[in-house]
Amino acid sequence: AQLPAEAIYELKQGTNAGWPFTYYDQNLKKAMLSPEYGGDGAKPGD
């Protein structure tokens, strides 16, 4: 009900925000590993 964040990215050549492998948690202020790829809400994204 709270995640993932709605986000604005600055795009440059080669930018990769990680979707669907990661999502951005606005509360923790970091990318997290998505549950579908082994994330548990505590594992950070790459």
All heavy atoms as atom14 arrays in JSON, in Angstrom:
{
  "sequence": "AQLPAEAIYELKQGTNAGWPFTYYDQNLKKAMLSPEYGGDGAKPGD",
  "atom14_mask": [
    [1, 1, 1, 1, 1, 0, 0, 0, 0, 0, 0, 0, 0, 0],
    [1, 1, 1, 1, 1, 1, 1, 1, 1, 0, 0, 0, 0, 0],
    [1, 1, 1, 1, 1, 1, 1, 1, 0, 0, 0, 0, 0, 0],
    [1, 1, 1, 1, 1, 1, 1, 0, 0, 0, 0, 0, 0, 0],
    [1, 1, 1, 1, 1, 0, 0, 0, 0, 0, 0, 0, 0, 0],
    [1, 1, 1, 1, 1, 1, 1, 1, 1, 0, 0, 0, 0, 0],
    [1, 1, 1, 1, 1, 0, 0, 0, 0, 0, 0, 0, 0, 0],
    [1, 1, 1, 1, 1, 1, 1, 1, 0, 0, 0, 0, 0, 0],
    [1, 1, 1, 1, 1, 1, 1, 1, 1, 1, 1, 1, 0, 0],
    [1, 1, 1, 1, 1, 1, 1, 1, 1, 0, 0, 0, 0, 0],
    [1, 1, 1, 1, 1, 1, 1, 1, 0, 0, 0, 0, 0, 0],
    [1, 1, 1, 1, 1, 1, 1, 1, 1, 0, 0, 0, 0, 0],
    [1, 1, 1, 1, 1, 1, 1, 1, 1, 0, 0, 0, 0, 0],
    [1, 1, 1, 1, 0, 0, 0, 0, 0, 0, 0, 0, 0, 0],
    [1, 1, 1, 1, 1, 1, 1, 0, 0, 0, 0, 0, 0, 0],
    [1, 1, 1, 1, 1, 1, 1, 1, 0, 0, 0, 0, 0, 0],
    [1, 1, 1, 1, 1, 0, 0, 0, 0, 0, 0, 0, 0, 0],
    [1, 1, 1, 1, 0, 0, 0, 0, 0, 0, 0, 0, 0, 0],
    [1, 1, 1, 1, 1, 1, 1, 1, 1, 1, 1, 1, 1, 1],
    [1, 1, 1, 1, 1, 1, 1, 0, 0, 0, 0, 0, 0, 0],
    [1, 1, 1, 1, 1, 1, 1, 1, 1, 1, 1, 0, 0, 0],
    [1, 1, 1, 1, 1, 1, 1, 0, 0, 0, 0, 0, 0, 0],
    [1, 1, 1, 1, 1, 1, 1, 1, 1, 1, 1, 1, 0, 0],
    [1, 1, 1, 1, 1, 1, 1, 1, 1, 1, 1, 1, 0, 0],
    [1, 1, 1, 1, 1, 1, 1, 1, 0, 0, 0, 0, 0, 0],
    [1, 1, 1, 1, 1, 1, 1, 1, 1, 0, 0, 0, 0, 0],
    [1, 1, 1, 1, 1, 1, 1, 1, 0, 0, 0, 0, 0, 0],
    [1, 1, 1, 1, 1, 1, 1, 1, 0, 0, 0, 0, 0, 0],
    [1, 1, 1, 1, 1, 1, 1, 1, 1, 0, 0, 0, 0, 0],
    [1, 1, 1, 1, 1, 1, 1, 1, 1, 0, 0, 0, 0, 0],
    [1, 1, 1, 1, 1, 0, 0, 0, 0, 0, 0, 0, 0, 0],
    [1, 1, 1, 1, 1, 1, 1, 1, 0, 0, 0, 0, 0, 0],
    [1, 1, 1, 1, 1, 1, 1, 1, 0, 0, 0, 0, 0, 0],
    [1, 1, 1, 1, 1, 1, 0, 0, 0, 0, 0, 0, 0, 0],
    [1, 1, 1, 1, 1, 1, 1, 0, 0, 0, 0, 0, 0, 0],
    [1, 1, 1, 1, 1, 1, 1, 1, 1, 0, 0, 0, 0, 0],
    [1, 1, 1, 1, 1, 1, 1, 1, 1, 1, 1, 1, 0, 0],
    [1, 1, 1, 1, 0, 0, 0, 0, 0, 0, 0, 0, 0, 0],
    [1, 1, 1, 1, 0, 0, 0, 0, 0, 0, 0, 0, 0, 0],
    [1, 1, 1, 1, 1, 1, 1, 1, 0, 0, 0, 0, 0, 0],
    [1, 1, 1, 1, 0, 0, 0, 0, 0, 0, 0, 0, 0, 0],
    [1, 1, 1, 1, 1, 0, 0, 0, 0, 0, 0, 0, 0, 0],
    [1, 1, 1, 1, 1, 1, 1, 1, 1, 0, 0, 0, 0, 0],
    [1, 1, 1, 1, 1, 1, 1, 0, 0, 0, 0, 0, 0, 0],
    [1, 1, 1, 1, 0, 0, 0, 0, 0, 0, 0, 0, 0, 0],
    [1, 1, 1, 1, 1, 1, 1, 1, 0, 0, 0, 0, 0, 0]
  ],
  "atom14_positions": [
    [[0.82, -1.21, 0.0], [0.0, 0.0, 0.0], [0.85, 1.26, 0.0], [0.36, 2.34, -0.28], [-0.91, 0.01, 1.22], [0.0, 0.0, 0.0], [0.0, 0.0, 0.0], [0.0, 0.0, 0.0], [0.0, 0.0, 0.0], [0.0, 0.0, 0.0], [0.0, 0.0, 0.0], [0.0, 0.0, 0.0], [0.0, 0.0, 0.0], [0.0, 0.0, 0.0]],
    [[2.15, 1.15, 0.32], [3.03, 2.31, 0.39], [4.12, 2.35, -0.66], [4.71, 3.39, -0.9], [3.69, 2.36, 1.76], [2.73, 2.52, 2.89], [3.43, 2.53, 4.23], [4.59, 2.9, 4.34], [2.74, 2.1, 5.26], [0.0, 0.0, 0.0], [0.0, 0.0, 0.0], [0.0, 0.0, 0.0], [0.0, 0.0, 0.0], [0.0, 0.0, 0.0]],
    [[4.4, 1.22, -1.27], [5.53, 1.12, -2.19], [5.08, 0.54, -3.53], [4.05, -0.12, -3.59], [6.61, 0.2, -1.59], [7.21, 0.66, -0.27], [8.09, -0.44, 0.3], [7.99, 1.94, -0.44], [0.0, 0.0, 0.0], [0.0, 0.0, 0.0], [0.0, 0.0, 0.0], [0.0, 0.0, 0.0], [0.0, 0.0, 0.0], [0.0, 0.0, 0.0]],
    [[5.84, 0.74, -4.57], [7.08, 1.5, -4.67], [6.8, 2.99, -4.8], [5.67, 3.4, -5.03], [7.71, 0.96, -5.96], [6.56, 0.58, -6.81], [5.51, 0.08, -5.84], [0.0, 0.0, 0.0], [0.0, 0.0, 0.0], [0.0, 0.0, 0.0], [0.0, 0.0, 0.0], [0.0, 0.0, 0.0], [0.0, 0.0, 0.0], [0.0, 0.0, 0.0]],
    [[7.86, 3.77, -4.68], [7.75, 5.22, -4.83], [7.33, 5.57, -6.25], [7.61, 4.85, -7.2], [9.09, 5.87, -4.52], [0.0, 0.0, 0.0], [0.0, 0.0, 0.0], [0.0, 0.0, 0.0], [0.0, 0.0, 0.0], [0.0, 0.0, 0.0], [0.0, 0.0, 0.0], [0.0, 0.0, 0.0], [0.0, 0.0, 0.0], [0.0, 0.0, 0.0]],
    [[6.64, 6.7, -6.37], [6.41, 7.32, -7.68], [7.66, 8.18, -7.89], [8.01, 8.97, -7.02], [5.16, 8.2, -7.65], [3.91, 7.49, -7.18], [3.32, 6.53, -8.19], [3.97, 6.2, -9.2], [2.19, 6.07, -7.96], [0.0, 0.0, 0.0], [0.0, 0.0, 0.0], [0.0, 0.0, 0.0], [0.0, 0.0, 0.0], [0.0, 0.0, 0.0]],
    [[8.34, 8.03, -8.99], [9.67, 8.64, -9.13], [9.86, 9.39, -10.43], [9.23, 9.09, -11.44], [10.73, 7.54, -9.01], [0.0, 0.0, 0.0], [0.0, 0.0, 0.0], [0.0, 0.0, 0.0], [0.0, 0.0, 0.0], [0.0, 0.0, 0.0], [0.0, 0.0, 0.0], [0.0, 0.0, 0.0], [0.0, 0.0, 0.0], [0.0, 0.0, 0.0]],
    [[10.74, 10.37, -10.37], [11.22, 11.09, -11.55], [12.71, 10.8, -11.67], [13.46, 10.98, -10.7], [11.01, 12.62, -11.44], [9.52, 12.95, -11.29], [11.61, 13.34, -12.64], [9.25, 14.43, -11.04], [0.0, 0.0, 0.0], [0.0, 0.0, 0.0], [0.0, 0.0, 0.0], [0.0, 0.0, 0.0], [0.0, 0.0, 0.0], [0.0, 0.0, 0.0]],
    [[13.12, 10.35, -12.84], [14.53, 10.04, -13.09], [15.11, 11.03, -14.09], [14.43, 11.46, -15.02], [14.67, 8.63, -13.69], [14.38, 7.54, -12.7], [13.09, 7.09, -12.49], [15.4, 6.96, -11.96], [12.81, 6.08, -11.58], [15.14, 5.96, -11.03], [13.84, 5.53, -10.86], [13.58, 4.55, -9.95], [0.0, 0.0, 0.0], [0.0, 0.0, 0.0]],
    [[16.37, 11.37, -13.9], [17.11, 12.14, -14.9], [17.7, 11.12, -15.86], [18.5, 10.27, -15.45], [18.22, 12.97, -14.25], [18.99, 13.78, -15.26], [20.09, 14.62, -14.63], [20.13, 14.74, -13.39], [20.9, 15.15, -15.39], [0.0, 0.0, 0.0], [0.0, 0.0, 0.0], [0.0, 0.0, 0.0], [0.0, 0.0, 0.0], [0.0, 0.0, 0.0]],
    [[17.29, 11.18, -17.1], [17.73, 10.19, -18.08], [18.95, 10.67, -18.85], [18.98, 11.79, -19.33], [16.59, 9.87, -19.06], [15.33, 9.29, -18.44], [14.29, 9.03, -19.51], [15.64, 8.02, -17.66], [0.0, 0.0, 0.0], [0.0, 0.0, 0.0], [0.0, 0.0, 0.0], [0.0, 0.0, 0.0], [0.0, 0.0, 0.0], [0.0, 0.0, 0.0]],
    [[19.91, 9.8, -18.95], [21.11, 10.02, -19.74], [21.35, 8.73, -20.52], [20.78, 7.68, -20.2], [22.32, 10.29, -18.85], [22.19, 11.54, -18.0], [23.37, 11.69, -17.07], [23.15, 12.89, -16.18], [24.13, 12.99, -15.13], [0.0, 0.0, 0.0], [0.0, 0.0, 0.0], [0.0, 0.0, 0.0], [0.0, 0.0, 0.0], [0.0, 0.0, 0.0]],
    [[22.21, 8.78, -21.52], [22.54, 7.58, -22.28], [22.95, 6.46, -21.32], [23.82, 6.65, -20.47], [23.71, 7.89, -23.23], [24.12, 6.73, -24.11], [23.24, 6.58, -25.34], [22.61, 7.53, -25.77], [23.2, 5.4, -25.89], [0.0, 0.0, 0.0], [0.0, 0.0, 0.0], [0.0, 0.0, 0.0], [0.0, 0.0, 0.0], [0.0, 0.0, 0.0]],
    [[22.29, 5.32, -21.4], [22.63, 4.17, -20.58], [21.98, 4.13, -19.21], [22.25, 3.21, -18.43], [0.0, 0.0, 0.0], [0.0, 0.0, 0.0], [0.0, 0.0, 0.0], [0.0, 0.0, 0.0], [0.0, 0.0, 0.0], [0.0, 0.0, 0.0], [0.0, 0.0, 0.0], [0.0, 0.0, 0.0], [0.0, 0.0, 0.0], [0.0, 0.0, 0.0]],
    [[21.13, 5.09, -18.87], [20.46, 5.08, -17.57], [19.62, 3.81, -17.42], [18.9, 3.42, -18.32], [19.55, 6.32, -17.4], [20.35, 7.49, -17.41], [18.76, 6.26, -16.1], [0.0, 0.0, 0.0], [0.0, 0.0, 0.0], [0.0, 0.0, 0.0], [0.0, 0.0, 0.0], [0.0, 0.0, 0.0], [0.0, 0.0, 0.0], [0.0, 0.0, 0.0]],
    [[19.74, 3.17, -16.26], [18.96, 1.97, -15.95], [18.5, 2.09, -14.5], [19.31, 2.09, -13.58], [19.81, 0.71, -16.14], [19.01, -0.56, -15.96], [17.95, -0.58, -15.34], [19.54, -1.65, -16.49], [0.0, 0.0, 0.0], [0.0, 0.0, 0.0], [0.0, 0.0, 0.0], [0.0, 0.0, 0.0], [0.0, 0.0, 0.0], [0.0, 0.0, 0.0]],
    [[17.18, 2.21, -14.32], [16.63, 2.36, -12.98], [16.37, 1.02, -12.29], [15.97, 0.98, -11.14], [15.34, 3.18, -13.03], [0.0, 0.0, 0.0], [0.0, 0.0, 0.0], [0.0, 0.0, 0.0], [0.0, 0.0, 0.0], [0.0, 0.0, 0.0], [0.0, 0.0, 0.0], [0.0, 0.0, 0.0], [0.0, 0.0, 0.0], [0.0, 0.0, 0.0]],
    [[16.6, -0.08, -13.0], [16.51, -1.38, -12.37], [15.21, -2.13, -12.47], [15.12, -3.28, -12.05], [0.0, 0.0, 0.0], [0.0, 0.0, 0.0], [0.0, 0.0, 0.0], [0.0, 0.0, 0.0], [0.0, 0.0, 0.0], [0.0, 0.0, 0.0], [0.0, 0.0, 0.0], [0.0, 0.0, 0.0], [0.0, 0.0, 0.0], [0.0, 0.0, 0.0]],
    [[14.15, -1.48, -12.99], [12.87, -2.15, -13.07], [12.94, -3.31, -14.05], [13.51, -3.16, -15.11], [11.79, -1.15, -13.51], [10.42, -1.75, -13.46], [9.73, -2.25, -14.51], [9.61, -1.92, -12.31], [8.53, -2.73, -14.08], [8.43, -2.55, -12.72], [9.77, -1.62, -10.96], [7.4, -2.87, -11.85], [8.75, -1.94, -10.09], [7.57, -2.56, -10.54]],
    [[12.43, -4.46, -13.75], [11.6, -4.85, -12.6], [12.41, -5.47, -11.47], [11.84, -5.94, -10.5], [10.66, -5.88, -13.21], [11.52, -6.59, -14.21], [12.42, -5.5, -14.78], [0.0, 0.0, 0.0], [0.0, 0.0, 0.0], [0.0, 0.0, 0.0], [0.0, 0.0, 0.0], [0.0, 0.0, 0.0], [0.0, 0.0, 0.0], [0.0, 0.0, 0.0]],
    [[13.73, -5.48, -11.58], [14.57, -6.15, -10.59], [14.63, -5.41, -9.25], [14.79, -6.02, -8.2], [15.98, -6.36, -11.13], [15.98, -7.02, -12.47], [16.28, -6.32, -13.62], [15.63, -8.37, -12.59], [16.26, -6.93, -14.87], [15.6, -8.99, -13.84], [15.91, -8.26, -14.98], [0.0, 0.0, 0.0], [0.0, 0.0, 0.0], [0.0, 0.0, 0.0]],
    [[14.5, -4.08, -9.31], [14.51, -3.28, -8.08], [13.34, -2.31, -8.1], [12.75, -2.05, -9.13], [15.82, -2.47, -7.92], [15.89, -1.5, -8.97], [17.03, -3.36, -7.93], [0.0, 0.0, 0.0], [0.0, 0.0, 0.0], [0.0, 0.0, 0.0], [0.0, 0.0, 0.0], [0.0, 0.0, 0.0], [0.0, 0.0, 0.0], [0.0, 0.0, 0.0]],
    [[13.05, -1.78, -6.95], [12.09, -0.69, -6.82], [12.7, 0.32, -5.87], [13.59, -0.01, -5.08], [10.74, -1.18, -6.29], [10.79, -1.74, -4.89], [10.56, -0.91, -3.78], [11.1, -3.08, -4.65], [10.63, -1.42, -2.49], [11.16, -3.59, -3.36], [10.93, -2.75, -2.29], [11.0, -3.23, -1.02], [0.0, 0.0, 0.0], [0.0, 0.0, 0.0]],
    [[12.24, 1.57, -5.92], [12.79, 2.59, -5.03], [11.87, 2.75, -3.83], [10.66, 2.94, -3.97], [12.97, 3.92, -5.76], [13.79, 4.88, -4.95], [15.18, 4.76, -4.92], [13.21, 5.88, -4.19], [15.97, 5.62, -4.16], [13.99, 6.74, -3.43], [15.35, 6.6, -3.42], [16.13, 7.45, -2.65], [0.0, 0.0, 0.0], [0.0, 0.0, 0.0]],
    [[12.46, 2.65, -2.63], [11.73, 2.83, -1.38], [11.98, 4.25, -0.9], [13.1, 4.59, -0.49], [12.22, 1.81, -0.35], [11.47, 1.86, 0.97], [11.15, 2.98, 1.44], [11.24, 0.79, 1.55], [0.0, 0.0, 0.0], [0.0, 0.0, 0.0], [0.0, 0.0, 0.0], [0.0, 0.0, 0.0], [0.0, 0.0, 0.0], [0.0, 0.0, 0.0]],
    [[10.97, 5.1, -0.97], [11.12, 6.51, -0.59], [11.36, 6.69, 0.9], [11.91, 7.71, 1.32], [9.92, 7.33, -1.06], [8.64, 7.13, -0.28], [7.82, 5.94, -0.74], [8.25, 5.15, -1.57], [6.62, 5.8, -0.2], [0.0, 0.0, 0.0], [0.0, 0.0, 0.0], [0.0, 0.0, 0.0], [0.0, 0.0, 0.0], [0.0, 0.0, 0.0]],
    [[10.97, 5.73, 1.72], [11.19, 5.83, 3.17], [12.65, 5.53, 3.52], [13.25, 6.21, 4.34], [10.26, 4.89, 3.92], [8.81, 5.2, 3.64], [8.38, 6.35, 3.65], [8.03, 4.17, 3.35], [0.0, 0.0, 0.0], [0.0, 0.0, 0.0], [0.0, 0.0, 0.0], [0.0, 0.0, 0.0], [0.0, 0.0, 0.0], [0.0, 0.0, 0.0]],
    [[13.2, 4.49, 2.91], [14.6, 4.12, 3.15], [15.57, 4.93, 2.3], [16.78, 4.9, 2.53], [14.81, 2.63, 2.88], [14.02, 1.67, 3.77], [14.22, 0.23, 3.31], [14.42, 1.84, 5.22], [0.0, 0.0, 0.0], [0.0, 0.0, 0.0], [0.0, 0.0, 0.0], [0.0, 0.0, 0.0], [0.0, 0.0, 0.0], [0.0, 0.0, 0.0]],
    [[15.02, 5.59, 1.26], [15.81, 6.39, 0.32], [16.86, 5.55, -0.41], [18.01, 5.96, -0.56], [16.44, 7.6, 1.0], [15.42, 8.58, 1.56], [16.07, 9.8, 2.11], [15.17, 10.85, 2.67], [13.81, 10.79, 2.65], [0.0, 0.0, 0.0], [0.0, 0.0, 0.0], [0.0, 0.0, 0.0], [0.0, 0.0, 0.0], [0.0, 0.0, 0.0]],
    [[16.42, 4.36, -0.85], [17.32, 3.52, -1.63], [16.54, 2.48, -2.43], [15.39, 2.17, -2.12], [18.37, 2.85, -0.75], [17.83, 1.87, 0.27], [18.99, 1.31, 1.1], [18.52, 0.34, 2.14], [19.63, -0.21, 2.92], [0.0, 0.0, 0.0], [0.0, 0.0, 0.0], [0.0, 0.0, 0.0], [0.0, 0.0, 0.0], [0.0, 0.0, 0.0]],
    [[17.23, 1.97, -3.44], [16.64, 0.92, -4.27], [16.71, -0.4, -3.51], [17.7, -0.72, -2.86], [17.39, 0.82, -5.59], [0.0, 0.0, 0.0], [0.0, 0.0, 0.0], [0.0, 0.0, 0.0], [0.0, 0.0, 0.0], [0.0, 0.0, 0.0], [0.0, 0.0, 0.0], [0.0, 0.0, 0.0], [0.0, 0.0, 0.0], [0.0, 0.0, 0.0]],
    [[15.64, -1.15, -3.62], [15.53, -2.44, -2.94], [15.29, -3.54, -3.97], [14.68, -3.3, -5.01], [14.37, -2.41, -1.96], [14.44, -1.28, -0.93], [15.92, -1.32, 0.08], [15.57, -2.74, 1.08], [0.0, 0.0, 0.0], [0.0, 0.0, 0.0], [0.0, 0.0, 0.0], [0.0, 0.0, 0.0], [0.0, 0.0, 0.0], [0.0, 0.0, 0.0]],
    [[15.75, -4.75, -3.66], [15.53, -5.89, -4.52], [14.04, -6.24, -4.51], [13.43, -6.39, -3.45], [16.36, -7.08, -4.04], [16.36, -8.32, -4.92], [16.94, -8.02, -6.3], [17.15, -9.44, -4.25], [0.0, 0.0, 0.0], [0.0, 0.0, 0.0], [0.0, 0.0, 0.0], [0.0, 0.0, 0.0], [0.0, 0.0, 0.0], [0.0, 0.0, 0.0]],
    [[13.44, -6.37, -5.69], [12.01, -6.68, -5.8], [11.72, -8.08, -5.28], [12.54, -9.0, -5.44], [11.57, -6.6, -7.26], [11.68, -5.28, -7.72], [0.0, 0.0, 0.0], [0.0, 0.0, 0.0], [0.0, 0.0, 0.0], [0.0, 0.0, 0.0], [0.0, 0.0, 0.0], [0.0, 0.0, 0.0], [0.0, 0.0, 0.0], [0.0, 0.0, 0.0]],
    [[10.56, -8.28, -4.65], [10.21, -9.59, -4.09], [10.22, -10.71, -5.14], [10.59, -11.84, -4.82], [8.79, -9.4, -3.54], [8.6, -7.95, -3.42], [9.53, -7.28, -4.38], [0.0, 0.0, 0.0], [0.0, 0.0, 0.0], [0.0, 0.0, 0.0], [0.0, 0.0, 0.0], [0.0, 0.0, 0.0], [0.0, 0.0, 0.0], [0.0, 0.0, 0.0]],
    [[9.87, -10.38, -6.37], [9.85, -11.39, -7.43], [11.24, -11.93, -7.75], [11.38, -12.96, -8.39], [9.24, -10.8, -8.72], [7.81, -10.34, -8.58], [7.68, -8.91, -8.03], [8.68, -8.29, -7.64], [6.54, -8.43, -7.98], [0.0, 0.0, 0.0], [0.0, 0.0, 0.0], [0.0, 0.0, 0.0], [0.0, 0.0, 0.0], [0.0, 0.0, 0.0]],
    [[12.26, -11.2, -7.29], [13.65, -11.6, -7.56], [14.42, -11.89, -6.28], [15.63, -11.75, -6.21], [14.35, -10.52, -8.4], [13.69, -10.39, -9.75], [12.67, -9.46, -9.96], [14.02, -11.24, -10.79], [12.03, -9.38, -11.17], [13.39, -11.15, -12.01], [12.39, -10.23, -12.19], [11.74, -10.15, -13.41], [0.0, 0.0, 0.0], [0.0, 0.0, 0.0]],
    [[13.69, -12.26, -5.22], [14.32, -12.66, -3.96], [14.35, -11.59, -2.89], [14.87, -11.81, -1.81], [0.0, 0.0, 0.0], [0.0, 0.0, 0.0], [0.0, 0.0, 0.0], [0.0, 0.0, 0.0], [0.0, 0.0, 0.0], [0.0, 0.0, 0.0], [0.0, 0.0, 0.0], [0.0, 0.0, 0.0], [0.0, 0.0, 0.0], [0.0, 0.0, 0.0]],
    [[13.78, -10.43, -3.16], [13.77, -9.35, -2.16], [12.79, -9.63, -1.04], [11.78, -10.31, -1.23], [0.0, 0.0, 0.0], [0.0, 0.0, 0.0], [0.0, 0.0, 0.0], [0.0, 0.0, 0.0], [0.0, 0.0, 0.0], [0.0, 0.0, 0.0], [0.0, 0.0, 0.0], [0.0, 0.0, 0.0], [0.0, 0.0, 0.0], [0.0, 0.0, 0.0]],
    [[13.11, -9.09, 0.13], [12.26, -9.3, 1.3], [11.96, -7.98, 2.02], [11.55, -7.98, 3.17], [12.94, -10.27, 2.26], [14.29, -9.77, 2.74], [14.71, -8.65, 2.36], [14.96, -10.52, 3.49], [0.0, 0.0, 0.0], [0.0, 0.0, 0.0], [0.0, 0.0, 0.0], [0.0, 0.0, 0.0], [0.0, 0.0, 0.0], [0.0, 0.0, 0.0]],
    [[12.21, -6.87, 1.36], [12.01, -5.56, 1.98], [13.24, -5.07, 2.72], [13.28, -3.94, 3.19], [0.0, 0.0, 0.0], [0.0, 0.0, 0.0], [0.0, 0.0, 0.0], [0.0, 0.0, 0.0], [0.0, 0.0, 0.0], [0.0, 0.0, 0.0], [0.0, 0.0, 0.0], [0.0, 0.0, 0.0], [0.0, 0.0, 0.0], [0.0, 0.0, 0.0]],
    [[14.25, -5.94, 2.87], [15.48, -5.57, 3.56], [16.7, -5.66, 2.65], [17.72, -5.03, 2.93], [15.7, -6.46, 4.78], [0.0, 0.0, 0.0], [0.0, 0.0, 0.0], [0.0, 0.0, 0.0], [0.0, 0.0, 0.0], [0.0, 0.0, 0.0], [0.0, 0.0, 0.0], [0.0, 0.0, 0.0], [0.0, 0.0, 0.0], [0.0, 0.0, 0.0]],
    [[16.6, -6.43, 1.58], [17.75, -6.61, 0.67], [17.83, -5.44, -0.31], [16.87, -5.19, -1.05], [17.61, -7.9, -0.12], [17.71, -9.15, 0.72], [17.52, -10.39, -0.14], [17.5, -11.64, 0.74], [17.14, -12.83, -0.03], [0.0, 0.0, 0.0], [0.0, 0.0, 0.0], [0.0, 0.0, 0.0], [0.0, 0.0, 0.0], [0.0, 0.0, 0.0]],
    [[18.95, -4.74, -0.3], [19.1, -3.62, -1.23], [19.23, -4.11, -2.67], [19.64, -5.23, -2.93], [20.38, -2.93, -0.76], [21.14, -3.98, -0.05], [20.13, -4.93, 0.53], [0.0, 0.0, 0.0], [0.0, 0.0, 0.0], [0.0, 0.0, 0.0], [0.0, 0.0, 0.0], [0.0, 0.0, 0.0], [0.0, 0.0, 0.0], [0.0, 0.0, 0.0]],
    [[18.88, -3.21, -3.59], [19.06, -3.5, -5.01], [20.52, -3.32, -5.39], [21.33, -2.8, -4.61], [0.0, 0.0, 0.0], [0.0, 0.0, 0.0], [0.0, 0.0, 0.0], [0.0, 0.0, 0.0], [0.0, 0.0, 0.0], [0.0, 0.0, 0.0], [0.0, 0.0, 0.0], [0.0, 0.0, 0.0], [0.0, 0.0, 0.0], [0.0, 0.0, 0.0]],
    [[20.86, -3.72, -6.58], [22.22, -3.6, -7.1], [22.57, -2.12, -7.26], [21.79, -1.34, -7.79], [22.3, -4.31, -8.46], [23.72, -4.51, -8.92], [24.51, -3.55, -8.86], [24.03, -5.62, -9.38], [0.0, 0.0, 0.0], [0.0, 0.0, 0.0], [0.0, 0.0, 0.0], [0.0, 0.0, 0.0], [0.0, 0.0, 0.0], [0.0, 0.0, 0.0]]
  ]
}
